[in-house]
Amino acid sequence: MGRIVTGLFAGLMQRIRHFGDFVTIPLAIAVFLGLAGMYRLPLVVAGAAVWTLLEYLVHRFVFHRHSVGQRLHQLHHDHPSDPDAERSSLSTPLLAFPIGYLLIRTAGVADGSAIFAGLLIGYLLFIFVHYAVHRWPIAHGSWLYTAKMRHLAHHHLENCNYGVTTIFWDIVFRTHAGLVGERVPSRSRPVD
């Protein structure tokens, strides 16, 4: 009986670790949108837009150039379909709380909550797209199919297509590989 309970608990903890953000982030978004009020929608949109830049910069420089981030992220590149090789929902509050706190302290409760809600919306979109491109069968020609092909090119080449939710920053910073066979020059390692 003890092994069954232990197995059930381990399975529950694994689900929480992998899917907890899909429950807690929408709840947090609702709370912060409530604190912000709907008339601060432009700040919410600005927060979501800022998220796309943060996503690009963290992915490119922390996960592909910084030694600690690179070691952790390499697990995902080595095993892209393994949920244990991805980020954990349990770490999200540790990263999000200080950001939300700083925003609310500097911009005030309403404005800071609006910007933070936008960042959380961007993050939720990111984890949804990333989960989908690695685990769902996606119809050819859809927006998600384009995102999937772009992300798979990133896994294949590693020094391009750092944006998961948008191609915008890859175009701006000239790290977009339009074709899977295209290689973007990298300063950190020579081009094959």
N, C-alpha and C. Protein backbone atom coordinates (compact mmCIF):
# COMPACT_ATOMS: atom_id res chain seq x y z
N MET A 1 0.82 -1.21 0.00
CA MET A 1 0.00 0.00 0.00
C MET A 1 0.86 1.26 0.00
N GLY A 2 1.97 1.23 0.75
CA GLY A 2 2.84 2.40 0.83
C GLY A 2 3.46 2.75 -0.51
N ARG A 3 3.80 1.72 -1.30
CA ARG A 3 4.39 1.97 -2.61
C ARG A 3 3.38 2.61 -3.56
N ILE A 4 2.12 2.22 -3.42
CA ILE A 4 1.06 2.79 -4.27
C ILE A 4 0.88 4.26 -3.94
N VAL A 5 0.81 4.58 -2.64
CA VAL A 5 0.65 5.97 -2.22
C VAL A 5 1.86 6.80 -2.65
N THR A 6 3.06 6.25 -2.47
CA THR A 6 4.28 6.95 -2.88
C THR A 6 4.27 7.20 -4.39
N GLY A 7 3.86 6.19 -5.16
CA GLY A 7 3.79 6.34 -6.61
C GLY A 7 2.76 7.38 -7.03
N LEU A 8 1.60 7.37 -6.37
CA LEU A 8 0.57 8.37 -6.68
C LEU A 8 1.05 9.78 -6.34
N PHE A 9 1.70 9.91 -5.19
CA PHE A 9 2.23 11.21 -4.79
C PHE A 9 3.30 11.69 -5.77
N ALA A 10 4.20 10.80 -6.16
CA ALA A 10 5.25 11.16 -7.12
C ALA A 10 4.64 11.57 -8.45
N GLY A 11 3.60 10.86 -8.90
CA GLY A 11 2.92 11.22 -10.15
C GLY A 11 2.24 12.57 -10.05
N LEU A 12 1.61 12.83 -8.91
CA LEU A 12 0.96 14.13 -8.69
C LEU A 12 1.98 15.26 -8.69
N MET A 13 3.09 15.06 -8.00
CA MET A 13 4.14 16.08 -7.96
C MET A 13 4.72 16.34 -9.34
N GLN A 14 4.87 15.29 -10.14
CA GLN A 14 5.40 15.47 -11.49
C GLN A 14 4.42 16.28 -12.33
N ARG A 15 3.11 16.01 -12.21
CA ARG A 15 2.11 16.79 -12.95
C ARG A 15 2.11 18.26 -12.51
N ILE A 16 2.22 18.47 -11.22
CA ILE A 16 2.27 19.85 -10.71
C ILE A 16 3.50 20.55 -11.25
N ARG A 17 4.64 19.86 -11.24
CA ARG A 17 5.88 20.45 -11.74
C ARG A 17 5.78 20.81 -13.22
N HIS A 18 5.14 19.97 -14.00
CA HIS A 18 5.06 20.19 -15.45
C HIS A 18 3.92 21.10 -15.87
N PHE A 19 2.78 21.03 -15.17
CA PHE A 19 1.59 21.73 -15.64
C PHE A 19 1.05 22.78 -14.67
N GLY A 20 1.69 22.97 -13.54
CA GLY A 20 1.21 23.92 -12.54
C GLY A 20 1.05 25.33 -13.07
N ASP A 21 1.98 25.75 -13.94
CA ASP A 21 1.90 27.10 -14.49
C ASP A 21 0.64 27.32 -15.31
N PHE A 22 0.11 26.26 -15.92
CA PHE A 22 -1.10 26.41 -16.73
C PHE A 22 -2.34 26.67 -15.87
N VAL A 23 -2.20 26.49 -14.56
CA VAL A 23 -3.28 26.80 -13.62
C VAL A 23 -2.97 28.09 -12.86
N THR A 24 -1.77 28.16 -12.29
CA THR A 24 -1.44 29.28 -11.42
C THR A 24 -1.23 30.60 -12.17
N ILE A 25 -0.65 30.55 -13.37
CA ILE A 25 -0.39 31.80 -14.10
C ILE A 25 -1.70 32.47 -14.52
N PRO A 26 -2.68 31.74 -15.09
CA PRO A 26 -3.96 32.41 -15.40
C PRO A 26 -4.62 33.00 -14.15
N LEU A 27 -4.53 32.31 -13.02
CA LEU A 27 -5.09 32.85 -11.78
C LEU A 27 -4.37 34.14 -11.38
N ALA A 28 -3.04 34.13 -11.46
CA ALA A 28 -2.27 35.33 -11.13
C ALA A 28 -2.60 36.47 -12.09
N ILE A 29 -2.75 36.16 -13.37
CA ILE A 29 -3.13 37.19 -14.35
C ILE A 29 -4.45 37.82 -13.95
N ALA A 30 -5.42 36.99 -13.57
CA ALA A 30 -6.74 37.51 -13.17
C ALA A 30 -6.61 38.43 -11.95
N VAL A 31 -5.79 38.04 -10.98
CA VAL A 31 -5.61 38.86 -9.78
C VAL A 31 -4.98 40.20 -10.14
N PHE A 32 -3.90 40.17 -10.93
CA PHE A 32 -3.20 41.41 -11.25
C PHE A 32 -4.00 42.29 -12.20
N LEU A 33 -4.79 41.69 -13.10
CA LEU A 33 -5.68 42.49 -13.94
C LEU A 33 -6.74 43.16 -13.07
N GLY A 34 -7.22 42.45 -12.06
CA GLY A 34 -8.19 43.04 -11.13
C GLY A 34 -7.60 44.22 -10.37
N LEU A 35 -6.35 44.09 -9.96
CA LEU A 35 -5.69 45.20 -9.26
C LEU A 35 -5.43 46.38 -10.19
N ALA A 36 -5.19 46.08 -11.46
CA ALA A 36 -4.85 47.13 -12.42
C ALA A 36 -6.08 47.88 -12.91
N GLY A 37 -7.15 47.16 -13.14
CA GLY A 37 -8.32 47.76 -13.75
C GLY A 37 -8.19 47.74 -15.26
N MET A 38 -9.28 47.59 -15.95
CA MET A 38 -9.25 47.42 -17.41
C MET A 38 -8.83 48.68 -18.16
N TYR A 39 -8.92 49.85 -17.55
CA TYR A 39 -8.52 51.06 -18.26
C TYR A 39 -7.00 51.16 -18.40
N ARG A 40 -6.26 50.24 -17.81
CA ARG A 40 -4.80 50.22 -17.95
C ARG A 40 -4.36 49.18 -18.99
N LEU A 41 -5.25 48.85 -19.91
CA LEU A 41 -4.97 47.86 -20.95
C LEU A 41 -3.71 48.18 -21.75
N PRO A 42 -3.42 49.46 -22.08
CA PRO A 42 -2.17 49.73 -22.81
C PRO A 42 -0.92 49.27 -22.05
N LEU A 43 -0.93 49.37 -20.71
CA LEU A 43 0.21 48.89 -19.92
C LEU A 43 0.29 47.37 -19.93
N VAL A 44 -0.86 46.71 -19.98
CA VAL A 44 -0.87 45.25 -20.07
C VAL A 44 -0.25 44.83 -21.40
N VAL A 45 -0.66 45.48 -22.48
CA VAL A 45 -0.10 45.18 -23.81
C VAL A 45 1.40 45.48 -23.83
N ALA A 46 1.81 46.57 -23.21
CA ALA A 46 3.24 46.90 -23.15
C ALA A 46 4.01 45.83 -22.38
N GLY A 47 3.44 45.35 -21.29
CA GLY A 47 4.09 44.27 -20.52
C GLY A 47 4.24 43.01 -21.35
N ALA A 48 3.22 42.66 -22.12
CA ALA A 48 3.30 41.47 -22.98
C ALA A 48 4.37 41.66 -24.06
N ALA A 49 4.46 42.87 -24.61
CA ALA A 49 5.48 43.15 -25.62
C ALA A 49 6.88 43.07 -25.02
N VAL A 50 7.04 43.61 -23.81
CA VAL A 50 8.34 43.53 -23.13
C VAL A 50 8.71 42.07 -22.88
N TRP A 51 7.70 41.24 -22.56
CA TRP A 51 7.99 39.82 -22.36
C TRP A 51 8.68 39.21 -23.57
N THR A 52 8.22 39.55 -24.78
CA THR A 52 8.81 38.94 -25.97
C THR A 52 10.30 39.28 -26.08
N LEU A 53 10.67 40.50 -25.70
CA LEU A 53 12.08 40.88 -25.71
C LEU A 53 12.84 40.13 -24.62
N LEU A 54 12.27 40.05 -23.42
CA LEU A 54 12.92 39.30 -22.33
C LEU A 54 13.10 37.84 -22.71
N GLU A 55 12.08 37.24 -23.30
CA GLU A 55 12.16 35.85 -23.74
C GLU A 55 13.34 35.66 -24.69
N TYR A 56 13.45 36.54 -25.68
CA TYR A 56 14.54 36.46 -26.65
C TYR A 56 15.90 36.62 -25.97
N LEU A 57 16.05 37.65 -25.16
CA LEU A 57 17.35 37.94 -24.54
C LEU A 57 17.78 36.85 -23.57
N VAL A 58 16.86 36.37 -22.73
CA VAL A 58 17.21 35.30 -21.79
C VAL A 58 17.57 34.03 -22.55
N HIS A 59 16.78 33.68 -23.55
CA HIS A 59 17.05 32.47 -24.31
C HIS A 59 18.41 32.58 -25.01
N ARG A 60 18.67 33.70 -25.64
CA ARG A 60 19.92 33.84 -26.40
C ARG A 60 21.14 33.95 -25.51
N PHE A 61 21.09 34.82 -24.50
CA PHE A 61 22.30 35.11 -23.74
C PHE A 61 22.45 34.31 -22.45
N VAL A 62 21.36 34.04 -21.74
CA VAL A 62 21.48 33.27 -20.51
C VAL A 62 21.54 31.77 -20.83
N PHE A 63 20.65 31.30 -21.70
CA PHE A 63 20.58 29.86 -21.96
C PHE A 63 21.56 29.37 -23.01
N HIS A 64 22.11 30.28 -23.81
CA HIS A 64 23.05 29.83 -24.84
C HIS A 64 24.45 30.40 -24.69
N ARG A 65 24.66 31.30 -23.77
CA ARG A 65 26.00 31.88 -23.61
C ARG A 65 26.52 31.84 -22.17
N HIS A 66 25.65 31.87 -21.20
CA HIS A 66 26.05 31.87 -19.79
C HIS A 66 26.18 30.43 -19.33
N SER A 67 27.29 30.10 -18.66
CA SER A 67 27.60 28.70 -18.37
C SER A 67 26.52 27.98 -17.56
N VAL A 68 25.99 28.60 -16.50
CA VAL A 68 24.99 27.92 -15.68
C VAL A 68 23.69 27.72 -16.47
N GLY A 69 23.22 28.77 -17.10
CA GLY A 69 22.00 28.66 -17.90
C GLY A 69 22.18 27.71 -19.07
N GLN A 70 23.35 27.73 -19.67
CA GLN A 70 23.62 26.87 -20.82
C GLN A 70 23.59 25.40 -20.42
N ARG A 71 24.16 25.07 -19.26
CA ARG A 71 24.15 23.66 -18.79
C ARG A 71 22.71 23.18 -18.57
N LEU A 72 21.90 24.02 -17.94
CA LEU A 72 20.51 23.63 -17.69
C LEU A 72 19.73 23.50 -18.99
N HIS A 73 19.92 24.45 -19.88
CA HIS A 73 19.18 24.47 -21.14
C HIS A 73 19.64 23.36 -22.09
N GLN A 74 20.88 22.94 -21.97
CA GLN A 74 21.39 21.88 -22.85
C GLN A 74 20.61 20.58 -22.65
N LEU A 75 20.13 20.34 -21.44
CA LEU A 75 19.29 19.16 -21.19
C LEU A 75 18.08 19.17 -22.10
N HIS A 76 17.47 20.35 -22.27
CA HIS A 76 16.32 20.46 -23.14
C HIS A 76 16.71 20.23 -24.60
N HIS A 77 17.84 20.75 -25.01
CA HIS A 77 18.29 20.54 -26.39
C HIS A 77 18.65 19.07 -26.64
N ASP A 78 19.21 18.42 -25.64
CA ASP A 78 19.57 17.00 -25.79
C ASP A 78 18.34 16.10 -25.78
N HIS A 79 17.30 16.49 -25.04
CA HIS A 79 16.09 15.68 -24.91
C HIS A 79 14.86 16.58 -25.05
N PRO A 80 14.58 17.09 -26.26
CA PRO A 80 13.53 18.11 -26.42
C PRO A 80 12.11 17.65 -26.10
N SER A 81 11.84 16.37 -26.16
CA SER A 81 10.49 15.89 -25.88
C SER A 81 10.31 15.39 -24.45
N ASP A 82 11.35 15.45 -23.66
CA ASP A 82 11.30 14.98 -22.28
C ASP A 82 10.86 16.11 -21.36
N PRO A 83 9.69 16.00 -20.75
CA PRO A 83 9.22 17.09 -19.88
C PRO A 83 10.14 17.32 -18.68
N ASP A 84 10.90 16.31 -18.27
CA ASP A 84 11.82 16.49 -17.14
C ASP A 84 13.03 17.35 -17.52
N ALA A 85 13.25 17.57 -18.81
CA ALA A 85 14.37 18.39 -19.27
C ALA A 85 13.97 19.84 -19.48
N GLU A 86 12.76 20.22 -19.06
CA GLU A 86 12.28 21.59 -19.22
C GLU A 86 12.22 22.29 -17.88
N ARG A 87 11.87 23.54 -17.92
CA ARG A 87 11.72 24.33 -16.71
C ARG A 87 10.61 23.74 -15.85
N SER A 88 10.62 24.05 -14.61
CA SER A 88 9.63 23.53 -13.68
C SER A 88 8.69 24.63 -13.23
N SER A 89 7.40 24.29 -13.15
CA SER A 89 6.41 25.23 -12.64
C SER A 89 6.73 25.66 -11.22
N LEU A 90 7.43 24.81 -10.49
CA LEU A 90 7.73 25.13 -9.10
C LEU A 90 8.71 26.30 -8.98
N SER A 91 9.48 26.57 -10.04
CA SER A 91 10.44 27.68 -9.98
C SER A 91 9.83 29.01 -10.41
N THR A 92 8.69 28.99 -11.07
CA THR A 92 8.10 30.22 -11.59
C THR A 92 7.86 31.27 -10.50
N PRO A 93 7.25 30.92 -9.37
CA PRO A 93 7.03 31.96 -8.35
C PRO A 93 8.34 32.57 -7.82
N LEU A 94 9.40 31.77 -7.75
CA LEU A 94 10.68 32.29 -7.27
C LEU A 94 11.23 33.37 -8.20
N LEU A 95 10.98 33.23 -9.49
CA LEU A 95 11.44 34.21 -10.46
C LEU A 95 10.45 35.37 -10.61
N ALA A 96 9.16 35.06 -10.57
CA ALA A 96 8.14 36.07 -10.83
C ALA A 96 7.93 37.02 -9.65
N PHE A 97 7.97 36.52 -8.44
CA PHE A 97 7.67 37.35 -7.27
C PHE A 97 8.54 38.60 -7.19
N PRO A 98 9.88 38.48 -7.31
CA PRO A 98 10.68 39.71 -7.21
C PRO A 98 10.39 40.70 -8.33
N ILE A 99 10.09 40.21 -9.52
CA ILE A 99 9.79 41.11 -10.64
C ILE A 99 8.48 41.86 -10.37
N GLY A 100 7.45 41.12 -9.97
CA GLY A 100 6.17 41.74 -9.65
C GLY A 100 6.29 42.72 -8.50
N TYR A 101 7.04 42.35 -7.49
CA TYR A 101 7.24 43.22 -6.33
C TYR A 101 7.91 44.53 -6.75
N LEU A 102 8.98 44.43 -7.54
CA LEU A 102 9.68 45.63 -8.00
C LEU A 102 8.80 46.52 -8.85
N LEU A 103 8.02 45.91 -9.74
CA LEU A 103 7.11 46.70 -10.59
C LEU A 103 6.08 47.44 -9.76
N ILE A 104 5.49 46.76 -8.79
CA ILE A 104 4.46 47.38 -7.95
C ILE A 104 5.07 48.46 -7.06
N ARG A 105 6.28 48.22 -6.55
CA ARG A 105 6.95 49.22 -5.71
C ARG A 105 7.33 50.47 -6.50
N THR A 106 7.77 50.28 -7.75
CA THR A 106 8.25 51.43 -8.53
C THR A 106 7.14 52.14 -9.30
N ALA A 107 6.18 51.39 -9.82
CA ALA A 107 5.13 52.00 -10.66
C ALA A 107 3.81 52.17 -9.94
N GLY A 108 3.70 51.67 -8.73
CA GLY A 108 2.44 51.73 -7.99
C GLY A 108 1.63 50.46 -8.22
N VAL A 109 0.64 50.26 -7.38
CA VAL A 109 -0.13 49.02 -7.42
C VAL A 109 -0.84 48.85 -8.76
N ALA A 110 -1.57 49.84 -9.21
CA ALA A 110 -2.37 49.69 -10.43
C ALA A 110 -1.49 49.55 -11.68
N ASP A 111 -0.56 50.48 -11.88
CA ASP A 111 0.29 50.43 -13.07
C ASP A 111 1.24 49.22 -13.03
N GLY A 112 1.86 48.99 -11.88
CA GLY A 112 2.76 47.84 -11.74
C GLY A 112 2.03 46.52 -11.96
N SER A 113 0.81 46.42 -11.46
CA SER A 113 0.02 45.20 -11.66
C SER A 113 -0.33 45.01 -13.13
N ALA A 114 -0.62 46.11 -13.82
CA ALA A 114 -0.95 46.02 -15.25
C ALA A 114 0.25 45.53 -16.05
N ILE A 115 1.41 46.10 -15.79
CA ILE A 115 2.62 45.68 -16.51
C ILE A 115 2.94 44.23 -16.18
N PHE A 116 2.84 43.87 -14.91
CA PHE A 116 3.14 42.50 -14.49
C PHE A 116 2.15 41.51 -15.10
N ALA A 117 0.88 41.88 -15.16
CA ALA A 117 -0.12 41.01 -15.81
C ALA A 117 0.26 40.79 -17.27
N GLY A 118 0.73 41.84 -17.95
CA GLY A 118 1.17 41.69 -19.33
C GLY A 118 2.36 40.76 -19.46
N LEU A 119 3.33 40.89 -18.56
CA LEU A 119 4.47 39.97 -18.56
C LEU A 119 4.00 38.53 -18.36
N LEU A 120 3.07 38.33 -17.44
CA LEU A 120 2.55 36.98 -17.18
C LEU A 120 1.78 36.44 -18.38
N ILE A 121 1.04 37.30 -19.07
CA ILE A 121 0.33 36.87 -20.28
C ILE A 121 1.35 36.41 -21.33
N GLY A 122 2.42 37.18 -21.49
CA GLY A 122 3.48 36.79 -22.42
C GLY A 122 4.10 35.46 -22.04
N TYR A 123 4.37 35.29 -20.75
CA TYR A 123 4.95 34.03 -20.26
C TYR A 123 4.00 32.86 -20.49
N LEU A 124 2.72 33.07 -20.23
CA LEU A 124 1.74 32.01 -20.45
C LEU A 124 1.69 31.62 -21.92
N LEU A 125 1.72 32.59 -22.80
CA LEU A 125 1.75 32.31 -24.23
C LEU A 125 3.01 31.53 -24.59
N PHE A 126 4.14 31.92 -24.01
CA PHE A 126 5.40 31.22 -24.26
C PHE A 126 5.31 29.75 -23.85
N ILE A 127 4.87 29.47 -22.61
CA ILE A 127 4.86 28.08 -22.18
C ILE A 127 3.84 27.26 -22.98
N PHE A 128 2.75 27.89 -23.38
CA PHE A 128 1.77 27.19 -24.21
C PHE A 128 2.37 26.84 -25.57
N VAL A 129 2.97 27.81 -26.24
CA VAL A 129 3.55 27.57 -27.57
C VAL A 129 4.67 26.55 -27.47
N HIS A 130 5.54 26.69 -26.48
CA HIS A 130 6.67 25.77 -26.35
C HIS A 130 6.18 24.34 -26.10
N TYR A 131 5.19 24.21 -25.23
CA TYR A 131 4.63 22.88 -24.97
C TYR A 131 4.01 22.31 -26.26
N ALA A 132 3.24 23.11 -26.95
CA ALA A 132 2.56 22.65 -28.16
C ALA A 132 3.54 22.23 -29.25
N VAL A 133 4.58 23.03 -29.50
CA VAL A 133 5.48 22.71 -30.61
C VAL A 133 6.29 21.45 -30.34
N HIS A 134 6.44 21.09 -29.08
CA HIS A 134 7.18 19.86 -28.77
C HIS A 134 6.29 18.63 -28.60
N ARG A 135 5.00 18.82 -28.33
CA ARG A 135 4.19 17.65 -27.97
C ARG A 135 2.90 17.46 -28.76
N TRP A 136 2.45 18.43 -29.51
CA TRP A 136 1.19 18.29 -30.23
C TRP A 136 1.44 18.04 -31.71
N PRO A 137 0.58 17.24 -32.33
CA PRO A 137 0.60 17.22 -33.80
C PRO A 137 -0.06 18.51 -34.27
N ILE A 138 0.63 19.25 -35.12
CA ILE A 138 0.15 20.56 -35.53
C ILE A 138 -0.07 20.57 -37.04
N ALA A 139 -1.23 21.07 -37.46
CA ALA A 139 -1.58 21.08 -38.88
C ALA A 139 -0.66 22.00 -39.66
N HIS A 140 -0.24 21.53 -40.81
CA HIS A 140 0.60 22.31 -41.72
C HIS A 140 -0.13 23.60 -42.11
N GLY A 141 0.60 24.70 -42.11
CA GLY A 141 0.03 25.97 -42.54
C GLY A 141 -0.51 26.83 -41.41
N SER A 142 -0.65 26.29 -40.21
CA SER A 142 -1.17 27.09 -39.10
C SER A 142 -0.05 27.94 -38.50
N TRP A 143 -0.43 28.93 -37.68
CA TRP A 143 0.54 29.76 -37.00
C TRP A 143 1.43 28.91 -36.10
N LEU A 144 0.84 27.91 -35.41
CA LEU A 144 1.64 27.05 -34.54
C LEU A 144 2.60 26.19 -35.35
N TYR A 145 2.22 25.81 -36.57
CA TYR A 145 3.13 25.02 -37.40
C TYR A 145 4.36 25.86 -37.76
N THR A 146 4.15 27.11 -38.10
CA THR A 146 5.26 28.01 -38.40
C THR A 146 6.16 28.16 -37.17
N ALA A 147 5.56 28.34 -36.00
CA ALA A 147 6.34 28.44 -34.76
C ALA A 147 7.10 27.15 -34.50
N LYS A 148 6.47 26.02 -34.78
CA LYS A 148 7.13 24.73 -34.57
C LYS A 148 8.35 24.59 -35.49
N MET A 149 8.19 24.89 -36.75
CA MET A 149 9.31 24.77 -37.69
C MET A 149 10.45 25.71 -37.31
N ARG A 150 10.10 26.92 -36.89
CA ARG A 150 11.10 27.89 -36.47
C ARG A 150 11.85 27.38 -35.24
N HIS A 151 11.11 26.81 -34.28
CA HIS A 151 11.74 26.31 -33.06
C HIS A 151 12.56 25.04 -33.32
N LEU A 152 12.09 24.18 -34.19
CA LEU A 152 12.87 22.98 -34.53
C LEU A 152 14.17 23.37 -35.23
N ALA A 153 14.13 24.42 -36.05
CA ALA A 153 15.36 24.92 -36.66
C ALA A 153 16.33 25.38 -35.58
N HIS A 154 15.80 26.01 -34.53
CA HIS A 154 16.64 26.44 -33.41
C HIS A 154 17.30 25.22 -32.76
N HIS A 155 16.54 24.17 -32.54
CA HIS A 155 17.11 22.97 -31.93
C HIS A 155 18.17 22.34 -32.83
N HIS A 156 17.98 22.43 -34.12
CA HIS A 156 18.93 21.84 -35.07
C HIS A 156 20.20 22.68 -35.18
N LEU A 157 20.06 24.00 -35.27
CA LEU A 157 21.20 24.87 -35.51
C LEU A 157 21.74 25.53 -34.24
N GLU A 158 20.88 25.76 -33.27
CA GLU A 158 21.17 26.31 -31.94
C GLU A 158 21.60 27.77 -31.89
N ASN A 159 22.07 28.38 -32.96
CA ASN A 159 22.51 29.77 -32.85
C ASN A 159 21.60 30.72 -33.65
N CYS A 160 20.33 30.35 -33.73
CA CYS A 160 19.35 31.20 -34.42
C CYS A 160 17.97 30.90 -33.86
N ASN A 161 17.00 31.72 -34.26
CA ASN A 161 15.59 31.52 -33.88
C ASN A 161 15.40 31.37 -32.36
N TYR A 162 15.84 32.37 -31.62
CA TYR A 162 15.72 32.32 -30.16
C TYR A 162 14.31 32.64 -29.67
N GLY A 163 13.54 33.36 -30.47
CA GLY A 163 12.17 33.68 -30.09
C GLY A 163 11.26 32.48 -30.26
N VAL A 164 10.47 32.19 -29.26
CA VAL A 164 9.51 31.08 -29.35
C VAL A 164 8.14 31.62 -29.73
N THR A 165 7.72 32.71 -29.09
CA THR A 165 6.38 33.23 -29.34
C THR A 165 6.32 34.18 -30.53
N THR A 166 7.45 34.74 -30.91
CA THR A 166 7.46 35.68 -32.03
C THR A 166 8.79 35.62 -32.76
N ILE A 167 8.74 35.92 -34.02
CA ILE A 167 9.93 35.99 -34.86
C ILE A 167 10.53 37.40 -34.86
N PHE A 168 9.80 38.36 -34.31
CA PHE A 168 10.15 39.77 -34.40
C PHE A 168 11.59 40.07 -33.98
N TRP A 169 11.99 39.65 -32.76
CA TRP A 169 13.32 40.00 -32.26
C TRP A 169 14.42 39.26 -33.03
N ASP A 170 14.14 38.09 -33.55
CA ASP A 170 15.13 37.40 -34.39
C ASP A 170 15.37 38.19 -35.67
N ILE A 171 14.34 38.81 -36.20
CA ILE A 171 14.52 39.65 -37.39
C ILE A 171 15.28 40.92 -37.01
N VAL A 172 14.90 41.56 -35.91
CA VAL A 172 15.55 42.79 -35.48
C VAL A 172 17.05 42.56 -35.23
N PHE A 173 17.38 41.46 -34.53
CA PHE A 173 18.78 41.20 -34.18
C PHE A 173 19.50 40.29 -35.17
N ARG A 174 18.83 40.03 -36.31
CA ARG A 174 19.42 39.27 -37.41
C ARG A 174 19.87 37.87 -36.99
N THR A 175 19.03 37.19 -36.20
CA THR A 175 19.31 35.81 -35.80
C THR A 175 18.23 34.86 -36.31
N HIS A 176 17.48 35.30 -37.30
CA HIS A 176 16.42 34.46 -37.86
C HIS A 176 16.98 33.60 -39.00
N ALA A 177 16.75 32.31 -38.94
CA ALA A 177 17.11 31.41 -40.03
C ALA A 177 15.83 31.05 -40.76
N GLY A 178 15.64 31.61 -41.95
CA GLY A 178 14.41 31.39 -42.70
C GLY A 178 14.23 29.96 -43.16
N LEU A 179 15.32 29.30 -43.42
CA LEU A 179 15.27 27.91 -43.86
C LEU A 179 16.03 27.06 -42.86
N VAL A 180 15.63 25.80 -42.73
CA VAL A 180 16.29 24.92 -41.77
C VAL A 180 17.78 24.80 -42.08
N GLY A 181 18.15 24.80 -43.33
CA GLY A 181 19.56 24.65 -43.70
C GLY A 181 20.38 25.91 -43.59
N GLU A 182 19.75 27.04 -43.35
CA GLU A 182 20.47 28.32 -43.25
C GLU A 182 21.17 28.41 -41.91
N ARG A 183 22.40 28.86 -41.89
CA ARG A 183 23.17 28.99 -40.65
C ARG A 183 23.49 30.46 -40.41
N VAL A 184 23.26 30.92 -39.21
CA VAL A 184 23.51 32.30 -38.86
C VAL A 184 24.90 32.37 -38.23
N PRO A 185 25.77 33.28 -38.68
CA PRO A 185 27.10 33.38 -38.07
C PRO A 185 26.99 33.68 -36.58
N SER A 186 27.86 33.06 -35.82
CA SER A 186 27.85 33.23 -34.37
C SER A 186 29.23 33.65 -33.92
N ARG A 187 29.28 34.56 -32.96
CA ARG A 187 30.58 34.99 -32.41
C ARG A 187 31.12 33.95 -31.44
N SER A 188 30.24 33.14 -30.84
CA SER A 188 30.70 32.22 -29.82
C SER A 188 31.29 30.94 -30.38
N ARG A 189 30.96 30.58 -31.60
CA ARG A 189 31.56 29.39 -32.20
C ARG A 189 31.58 29.56 -33.72
N PRO A 190 32.53 28.92 -34.36
CA PRO A 190 32.66 29.08 -35.81
C PRO A 190 31.52 28.44 -36.57
N VAL A 191 31.27 28.96 -37.76
CA VAL A 191 30.25 28.40 -38.65
C VAL A 191 30.83 27.18 -39.32
N ASP A 192 30.04 26.11 -39.38
CA ASP A 192 30.50 24.86 -40.03
C ASP A 192 30.67 25.05 -41.51
